[in-house]
Amino acid sequence: MRAIGLHVKCMGTPYFNRLVLKKAGVVPKFISQEKLYCKAHNTISRSTFYFVNTLSQFYKTPLDIDYTTHANLLDEIDVPQKLPLKVDHIPNDVSQKLSDILQTAFQDKCSDIHFIPQQKSYDVFFRQQGQLHPVMGLDEFVGPAVTNLIKLKAQLDIAKAFQPQNGQFVFITSRNEFCCRVSTLPCLHGESLVLRLQSDQLNKTYHYDALDATEFAQAFAHVSPGLWLITGPIGHGKTTTYYHLLNQIKNQRIISFEDPIEVPQKQIVQLNLDSSLTADDFMRKLLRQSVNVVGIGEIRTPEQLKLAVNAALTGHCVLATFHAGTRSDVFLRLENLGYTRDAQRQFLKGVLFQKWNSGNPRTLVFE
């Protein structure tokens, strides 16, 4: 569901223009200590429902709605609507707070930002070189406001707080821009949010001389048919390595299936991996595209592994990422997904295991 046009600015104060109010059919009037008073059109629409939920969550207060006719509501909309914040002690604009968090994470070369709700607060963690580090705490008012703003930016439904959602948005700074992949998960005290950060500028900070010198990278450069796996623990740069290797291939037709698309690439055709399609459906699409190299952003399910194996067995060079704690765990996971060691020898061409060097946290180790 696409988020309605709620704009947050002016020290956290929401401002609603005429188009937004007319579409929603709701006009916020004033706020007291107990309730937020609104006027609404007699006919409740889907937009009305989501707008009411947005207001209620932003102000953390129940709504009292007075229903009126369409003509009277339009007269109310013509009066400029601007409500004060319910909470006076919020020191910064919610949008600015989120911007500061993203800027700091980018400068610190973090791969993820974690928002973990507590009973009366939100804890914020940064993941750097695979390790989570506590950064700050947000109080019970600022935390939900920041996470709701993230969901709005990622075009997620803020009314659905009790089911997982995935989305993404682009954060633009004065010097660069980067993609933020958003994942939400309901938990004991609210919603846990994880933002995965990806950008060309971040990728340039990693030195891949050691990777390019590996037997895996040199063999993959020949675009030999078969399945090539980039493996390692979470947060150890597999996706960055994935893009790096694909961009090293020249004069070849490359299609990358991703869920979702992490970072737009110029020379690669990137497609969203539609979970409703079977591996056979994907194979029919691939064979019509005259593809040389197939990329799969991450193999998570038996169906995705079947797609990779089928593509490899039909003469394609297939590159994919695959979570594994150690190099030997890769073969155990493949067995758990239905492929014996003998079967693996038929399609598996190479395995690269990578992790951050504990002795030198800025260096990746490739096995």
Protein backbone atom coordinates (compact mmCIF):
# COMPACT_ATOMS: atom_id res chain seq x y z
CA MET A 1 0.00 0.00 0.00
CA ARG A 2 1.44 3.37 -1.00
CA ALA A 3 1.72 5.81 1.87
CA ILE A 4 -0.45 8.92 1.70
CA GLY A 5 1.17 12.34 1.45
CA LEU A 6 1.95 13.11 5.06
CA HIS A 7 4.89 15.52 5.29
CA VAL A 8 6.80 15.88 8.57
CA LYS A 9 8.72 19.11 9.13
CA CYS A 10 9.01 22.20 11.34
CA MET A 11 10.32 20.68 14.60
CA GLY A 12 8.31 17.51 14.04
CA THR A 13 5.04 19.32 13.26
CA PRO A 14 3.01 17.67 10.47
CA TYR A 15 1.66 20.01 7.84
CA PHE A 16 -1.24 18.84 5.66
CA ASN A 17 -1.91 20.45 2.27
CA ARG A 18 -5.35 20.65 0.66
CA LEU A 19 -4.76 17.76 -1.75
CA VAL A 20 -3.77 15.40 1.09
CA LEU A 21 -6.78 16.36 3.24
CA LYS A 22 -9.22 16.08 0.34
CA LYS A 23 -7.93 12.63 -0.60
CA ALA A 24 -8.08 11.39 2.98
CA GLY A 25 -11.41 13.02 3.82
CA VAL A 26 -10.16 13.97 7.27
CA VAL A 27 -9.36 17.38 8.78
CA PRO A 28 -7.42 17.53 12.10
CA LYS A 29 -8.73 20.48 14.15
CA PHE A 30 -7.03 20.70 17.53
CA ILE A 31 -5.35 18.58 20.18
CA SER A 32 -5.87 18.41 23.94
CA GLN A 33 -4.14 16.44 26.67
CA GLU A 34 -6.47 13.47 26.09
CA LYS A 35 -7.55 13.48 22.43
CA LEU A 36 -6.96 14.74 18.92
CA TYR A 37 -10.16 16.18 17.45
CA CYS A 38 -10.89 15.74 13.73
CA LYS A 39 -13.67 16.19 11.21
CA ALA A 40 -14.26 13.53 8.58
CA HIS A 41 -16.42 12.82 5.56
CA ASN A 42 -19.45 10.61 6.24
CA THR A 43 -18.16 7.98 3.78
CA ILE A 44 -15.14 6.22 5.25
CA SER A 45 -12.64 5.31 2.53
CA ARG A 46 -9.43 3.33 2.63
CA SER A 47 -7.43 6.57 2.56
CA THR A 48 -9.44 7.86 5.52
CA PHE A 49 -8.61 4.77 7.54
CA TYR A 50 -4.85 5.00 6.91
CA PHE A 51 -4.74 8.76 7.50
CA VAL A 52 -6.52 8.36 10.86
CA ASN A 53 -4.00 5.67 11.84
CA THR A 54 -1.13 7.94 10.82
CA LEU A 55 -2.40 10.78 13.00
CA SER A 56 -3.07 8.53 15.96
CA GLN A 57 0.38 6.93 15.83
CA PHE A 58 2.23 10.22 15.30
CA TYR A 59 0.57 11.99 18.23
CA LYS A 60 0.32 8.84 20.39
CA THR A 61 -3.25 9.73 21.34
CA PRO A 62 -6.78 8.50 20.50
CA LEU A 63 -8.89 10.43 17.99
CA ASP A 64 -12.33 11.96 18.42
CA ILE A 65 -13.98 12.22 14.98
CA ASP A 66 -16.96 14.41 14.13
CA TYR A 67 -18.58 13.35 10.84
CA THR A 68 -19.86 15.96 8.38
CA THR A 69 -21.02 16.38 4.78
CA HIS A 70 -18.71 16.58 1.78
CA ALA A 71 -19.44 20.30 1.20
CA ASN A 72 -18.80 21.25 4.84
CA LEU A 73 -15.60 19.23 4.87
CA LEU A 74 -14.26 21.12 1.83
CA ASP A 75 -14.94 24.40 3.67
CA GLU A 76 -12.95 23.07 6.63
CA ILE A 77 -10.07 22.07 4.34
CA ASP A 78 -9.79 25.64 3.03
CA VAL A 79 -8.73 26.75 6.53
CA PRO A 80 -4.94 26.18 6.94
CA GLN A 81 -4.34 23.17 9.22
CA LYS A 82 -1.26 23.08 11.42
CA LEU A 83 -1.18 21.26 14.74
CA PRO A 84 1.31 21.66 17.59
CA LEU A 85 3.25 18.71 18.87
CA LYS A 86 1.67 16.89 21.76
CA VAL A 87 5.09 16.34 23.35
CA ASP A 88 6.98 19.54 24.14
CA HIS A 89 10.31 18.02 25.15
CA ILE A 90 11.26 16.55 21.75
CA PRO A 91 14.45 18.57 21.04
CA ASN A 92 14.88 17.90 17.32
CA ASP A 93 12.84 17.54 14.21
CA VAL A 94 12.06 13.83 13.68
CA SER A 95 13.24 14.08 10.08
CA GLN A 96 16.51 15.68 11.20
CA LYS A 97 17.03 12.98 13.83
CA LEU A 98 16.69 10.27 11.20
CA SER A 99 18.99 12.18 8.84
CA ASP A 100 21.64 12.46 11.59
CA ILE A 101 21.47 8.71 12.28
CA LEU A 102 21.84 7.85 8.58
CA GLN A 103 24.70 10.34 8.07
CA THR A 104 26.61 8.95 11.05
CA ALA A 105 26.13 5.36 9.90
CA PHE A 106 27.37 6.26 6.42
CA GLN A 107 30.44 8.07 7.76
CA ASP A 108 31.25 5.11 10.04
CA LYS A 109 30.96 2.72 7.05
CA CYS A 110 28.20 0.67 8.68
CA SER A 111 26.37 -2.08 6.84
CA ASP A 112 23.19 -2.03 8.97
CA ILE A 113 21.21 0.10 11.42
CA HIS A 114 19.04 -1.73 13.96
CA PHE A 115 16.12 -0.15 15.83
CA ILE A 116 15.13 -2.46 18.70
CA PRO A 117 12.11 -1.48 20.84
CA GLN A 118 12.19 -1.74 24.62
CA GLN A 119 9.29 -1.20 27.00
CA LYS A 120 9.66 2.60 27.03
CA SER A 121 12.45 3.33 24.55
CA TYR A 122 14.16 2.32 21.29
CA ASP A 123 17.78 1.15 21.22
CA VAL A 124 19.80 1.96 18.09
CA PHE A 125 22.70 -0.26 17.00
CA PHE A 126 25.18 0.00 14.10
CA ARG A 127 26.71 -3.09 12.46
CA GLN A 128 30.37 -2.61 11.51
CA GLN A 129 32.49 -5.44 10.11
CA GLY A 130 29.87 -7.93 11.26
CA GLN A 131 29.71 -6.68 14.88
CA LEU A 132 26.73 -4.84 16.47
CA HIS A 133 27.59 -1.76 18.52
CA PRO A 134 25.11 0.26 20.65
CA VAL A 135 24.92 3.87 19.47
CA MET A 136 22.05 5.68 21.20
CA GLY A 137 18.65 5.37 22.79
CA LEU A 138 15.46 7.08 21.62
CA ASP A 139 12.69 7.77 24.12
CA GLU A 140 9.15 6.38 23.88
CA PHE A 141 7.97 9.35 21.78
CA VAL A 142 10.89 9.94 19.40
CA GLY A 143 11.51 6.22 18.69
CA PRO A 144 8.08 5.44 17.19
CA ALA A 145 8.08 8.76 15.30
CA VAL A 146 11.45 7.92 13.69
CA THR A 147 10.45 4.35 12.80
CA ASN A 148 7.12 5.53 11.35
CA LEU A 149 8.97 8.07 9.22
CA ILE A 150 11.24 5.27 7.95
CA LYS A 151 8.19 3.21 7.00
CA LEU A 152 6.63 6.18 5.20
CA LYS A 153 9.83 6.76 3.22
CA ALA A 154 9.96 3.07 2.28
CA GLN A 155 6.26 3.19 1.24
CA LEU A 156 5.29 0.64 3.88
CA ASP A 157 1.89 0.53 5.57
CA ILE A 158 2.36 2.12 9.01
CA ALA A 159 -1.03 0.76 10.10
CA LYS A 160 0.30 -2.80 9.81
CA ALA A 161 2.45 -3.02 12.90
CA PHE A 162 1.77 -6.70 13.53
CA GLN A 163 3.14 -8.29 10.36
CA PRO A 164 6.59 -8.20 8.70
CA GLN A 165 7.15 -5.80 5.80
CA ASN A 166 10.00 -5.05 3.40
CA GLY A 167 10.76 -1.94 1.37
CA GLN A 168 13.48 0.52 0.47
CA PHE A 169 14.20 4.20 -0.08
CA VAL A 170 17.07 6.39 -1.29
CA PHE A 171 18.78 8.77 1.12
CA ILE A 172 20.47 11.74 -0.58
CA THR A 173 23.22 13.79 1.04
CA SER A 174 25.10 16.83 -0.26
CA ARG A 175 27.86 14.62 -1.69
CA ASN A 176 26.33 11.25 -2.47
CA GLU A 177 23.29 9.01 -2.18
CA PHE A 178 22.71 5.50 -0.92
CA CYS A 179 19.94 2.94 -0.83
CA CYS A 180 18.35 1.87 2.44
CA ARG A 181 16.67 -1.53 2.46
CA VAL A 182 14.06 -1.67 5.24
CA SER A 183 12.82 -4.77 7.05
CA THR A 184 10.25 -4.67 9.87
CA LEU A 185 9.39 -7.44 12.32
CA PRO A 186 6.78 -7.37 15.13
CA CYS A 187 8.20 -8.21 18.56
CA LEU A 188 7.36 -7.98 22.28
CA HIS A 189 7.46 -4.20 22.67
CA GLY A 190 6.60 -3.04 19.13
CA GLU A 191 8.39 -3.26 15.78
CA SER A 192 12.03 -4.09 15.23
CA LEU A 193 13.46 -2.32 12.15
CA VAL A 194 16.66 -3.08 10.26
CA LEU A 195 18.07 -0.76 7.60
CA ARG A 196 20.66 -2.23 5.23
CA LEU A 197 22.87 0.50 3.73
CA GLN A 198 24.25 0.17 0.21
CA SER A 199 26.04 2.74 -1.95
CA ASP A 200 28.70 2.97 -4.63
CA GLN A 201 30.66 5.29 -2.33
CA LEU A 202 30.63 2.70 0.46
CA ASN A 203 31.72 0.01 -1.97
CA LYS A 204 34.72 2.09 -3.02
CA THR A 205 36.02 2.07 0.55
CA TYR A 206 36.67 -1.68 0.33
CA HIS A 207 39.91 -2.77 -1.30
CA TYR A 208 39.44 -5.92 -3.36
CA ASP A 209 43.00 -6.56 -4.48
CA ALA A 210 43.00 -9.69 -2.31
CA LEU A 211 39.70 -10.82 -3.85
CA ASP A 212 40.83 -10.26 -7.45
CA ALA A 213 43.94 -12.33 -6.75
CA THR A 214 41.94 -15.34 -5.52
CA GLU A 215 41.56 -18.46 -7.62
CA PHE A 216 37.77 -18.03 -7.36
CA ALA A 217 37.71 -14.53 -8.93
CA GLN A 218 40.17 -15.43 -11.67
CA ALA A 219 38.22 -18.56 -12.61
CA PHE A 220 34.85 -16.77 -12.49
CA ALA A 221 36.19 -14.11 -14.89
CA HIS A 222 36.19 -16.78 -17.65
CA VAL A 223 32.37 -17.05 -17.31
CA SER A 224 32.48 -20.84 -17.06
CA PRO A 225 29.04 -22.54 -16.79
CA GLY A 226 28.10 -23.65 -13.28
CA LEU A 227 27.12 -22.26 -9.89
CA TRP A 228 29.55 -19.92 -8.13
CA LEU A 229 28.72 -19.15 -4.48
CA ILE A 230 29.84 -16.17 -2.37
CA THR A 231 29.40 -17.28 1.23
CA GLY A 232 30.03 -16.04 4.75
CA PRO A 233 28.28 -14.82 7.90
CA ILE A 234 25.77 -11.97 7.86
CA GLY A 235 27.24 -8.46 7.57
CA HIS A 236 30.58 -9.53 6.06
CA GLY A 237 30.28 -7.87 2.65
CA LYS A 238 28.88 -10.66 0.45
CA THR A 239 26.55 -8.32 -1.49
CA THR A 240 29.38 -5.85 -2.15
CA THR A 241 31.57 -8.68 -3.45
CA TYR A 242 28.63 -9.91 -5.58
CA TYR A 243 28.31 -6.54 -7.37
CA HIS A 244 32.07 -6.20 -7.70
CA LEU A 245 32.45 -9.55 -9.49
CA LEU A 246 29.49 -8.97 -11.80
CA ASN A 247 30.85 -5.56 -12.80
CA GLN A 248 34.19 -7.15 -13.69
CA ILE A 249 32.48 -9.11 -16.50
CA LYS A 250 32.67 -7.27 -19.84
CA ASN A 251 30.80 -7.76 -23.12
CA GLN A 252 28.35 -10.27 -21.67
CA ARG A 253 24.60 -10.26 -21.10
CA ILE A 254 24.02 -10.20 -17.31
CA ILE A 255 20.70 -10.49 -15.48
CA SER A 256 20.54 -10.21 -11.69
CA PHE A 257 17.54 -11.47 -9.69
CA GLU A 258 17.29 -9.70 -6.33
CA ASP A 259 14.82 -9.41 -3.46
CA PRO A 260 14.86 -6.47 -3.21
CA ILE A 261 17.21 -4.70 -5.64
CA GLU A 262 19.99 -3.39 -3.38
CA VAL A 263 22.01 -0.92 -5.48
CA PRO A 264 21.19 0.04 -9.10
CA GLN A 265 23.95 -1.04 -11.51
CA LYS A 266 24.48 0.45 -14.97
CA GLN A 267 25.58 -2.57 -16.99
CA ILE A 268 23.41 -5.18 -15.26
CA VAL A 269 19.73 -5.90 -15.92
CA GLN A 270 18.26 -6.10 -12.40
CA LEU A 271 14.91 -7.76 -11.72
CA ASN A 272 12.91 -8.21 -8.53
CA LEU A 273 12.80 -11.88 -7.56
CA ASP A 274 9.06 -12.52 -7.61
CA SER A 275 8.30 -15.21 -5.01
CA SER A 276 5.05 -16.12 -6.82
CA LEU A 277 6.98 -17.45 -9.84
CA THR A 278 8.46 -20.95 -9.83
CA ALA A 279 11.98 -21.87 -10.89
CA ASP A 280 10.56 -23.24 -14.17
CA ASP A 281 8.86 -19.87 -14.85
CA PHE A 282 12.18 -18.07 -14.38
CA MET A 283 13.97 -20.52 -16.64
CA ARG A 284 11.53 -19.83 -19.48
CA LYS A 285 12.17 -16.08 -19.07
CA LEU A 286 15.94 -16.58 -19.00
CA LEU A 287 16.09 -18.74 -22.12
CA ARG A 288 14.27 -16.05 -24.10
CA GLN A 289 16.75 -13.36 -23.05
CA SER A 290 19.96 -14.94 -24.39
CA VAL A 291 21.70 -14.52 -21.03
CA ASN A 292 25.37 -15.32 -20.41
CA VAL A 293 25.62 -14.62 -16.66
CA VAL A 294 22.81 -15.05 -14.12
CA GLY A 295 23.07 -13.37 -10.71
CA ILE A 296 20.92 -14.24 -7.70
CA GLY A 297 21.23 -11.69 -4.92
CA GLU A 298 20.74 -14.26 -2.18
CA ILE A 299 19.64 -17.90 -2.15
CA ARG A 300 17.22 -18.30 0.76
CA THR A 301 14.74 -21.02 -0.26
CA PRO A 302 14.78 -24.42 -2.01
CA GLU A 303 12.92 -22.85 -4.96
CA GLN A 304 15.61 -20.17 -5.39
CA LEU A 305 18.33 -22.82 -5.18
CA LYS A 306 16.47 -24.84 -7.82
CA LEU A 307 16.50 -21.78 -10.10
CA ALA A 308 20.27 -21.42 -9.63
CA VAL A 309 20.95 -25.12 -10.21
CA ASN A 310 18.72 -25.31 -13.32
CA ALA A 311 20.40 -22.24 -14.80
CA ALA A 312 23.84 -23.72 -14.09
CA LEU A 313 22.92 -27.08 -15.65
CA THR A 314 21.60 -25.40 -18.81
CA GLY A 315 24.97 -23.81 -19.54
CA HIS A 316 24.74 -20.49 -17.69
CA CYS A 317 27.35 -18.97 -15.45
CA VAL A 318 25.48 -18.36 -12.17
CA LEU A 319 26.76 -16.16 -9.31
CA ALA A 320 24.87 -16.05 -5.99
CA THR A 321 25.34 -15.22 -2.32
CA PHE A 322 24.63 -17.83 0.34
CA HIS A 323 24.67 -17.49 4.13
CA ALA A 324 27.02 -19.88 5.95
CA GLY A 325 28.96 -19.70 9.20
CA THR A 326 31.99 -21.58 7.86
CA ARG A 327 33.13 -22.87 4.48
CA SER A 328 32.18 -26.47 5.35
CA ASP A 329 28.69 -25.28 6.39
CA VAL A 330 28.01 -24.39 2.74
CA PHE A 331 27.91 -28.05 1.69
CA LEU A 332 25.79 -29.00 4.73
CA ARG A 333 23.24 -26.29 3.89
CA LEU A 334 23.06 -27.47 0.28
CA GLU A 335 22.39 -30.99 1.56
CA ASN A 336 19.64 -29.66 3.86
CA LEU A 337 18.06 -27.96 0.84
CA GLY A 338 17.87 -31.29 -1.01
CA TYR A 339 21.17 -31.73 -2.91
CA THR A 340 23.54 -34.55 -1.94
CA ARG A 341 27.33 -34.21 -2.18
CA ASP A 342 27.30 -36.22 -5.42
CA ALA A 343 24.63 -33.91 -6.88
CA GLN A 344 26.59 -30.84 -5.81
CA ARG A 345 29.57 -31.96 -7.87
CA GLN A 346 27.40 -31.77 -11.01
CA PHE A 347 26.64 -28.04 -10.76
CA LEU A 348 28.87 -26.43 -8.11
CA LYS A 349 31.81 -24.68 -9.77
CA GLY A 350 33.38 -22.64 -6.96
CA VAL A 351 32.84 -21.48 -3.37
CA LEU A 352 34.26 -18.27 -1.91
CA PHE A 353 34.06 -17.82 1.86
CA GLN A 354 34.70 -14.32 3.23
CA LYS A 355 34.75 -12.65 6.63
CA TRP A 356 36.24 -9.61 8.28
CA ASN A 357 39.71 -10.16 9.73
CA SER A 358 39.42 -10.00 13.53
CA GLY A 359 43.05 -8.89 13.78
CA ASN A 360 42.58 -6.12 11.21
CA PRO A 361 38.87 -5.09 11.17
CA ARG A 362 39.28 -3.15 7.90
CA THR A 363 40.50 -6.20 5.93
CA LEU A 364 38.43 -8.98 4.40
CA VAL A 365 39.76 -12.54 4.44
CA PHE A 366 38.88 -14.75 1.46
CA GLU A 367 39.08 -18.54 1.54
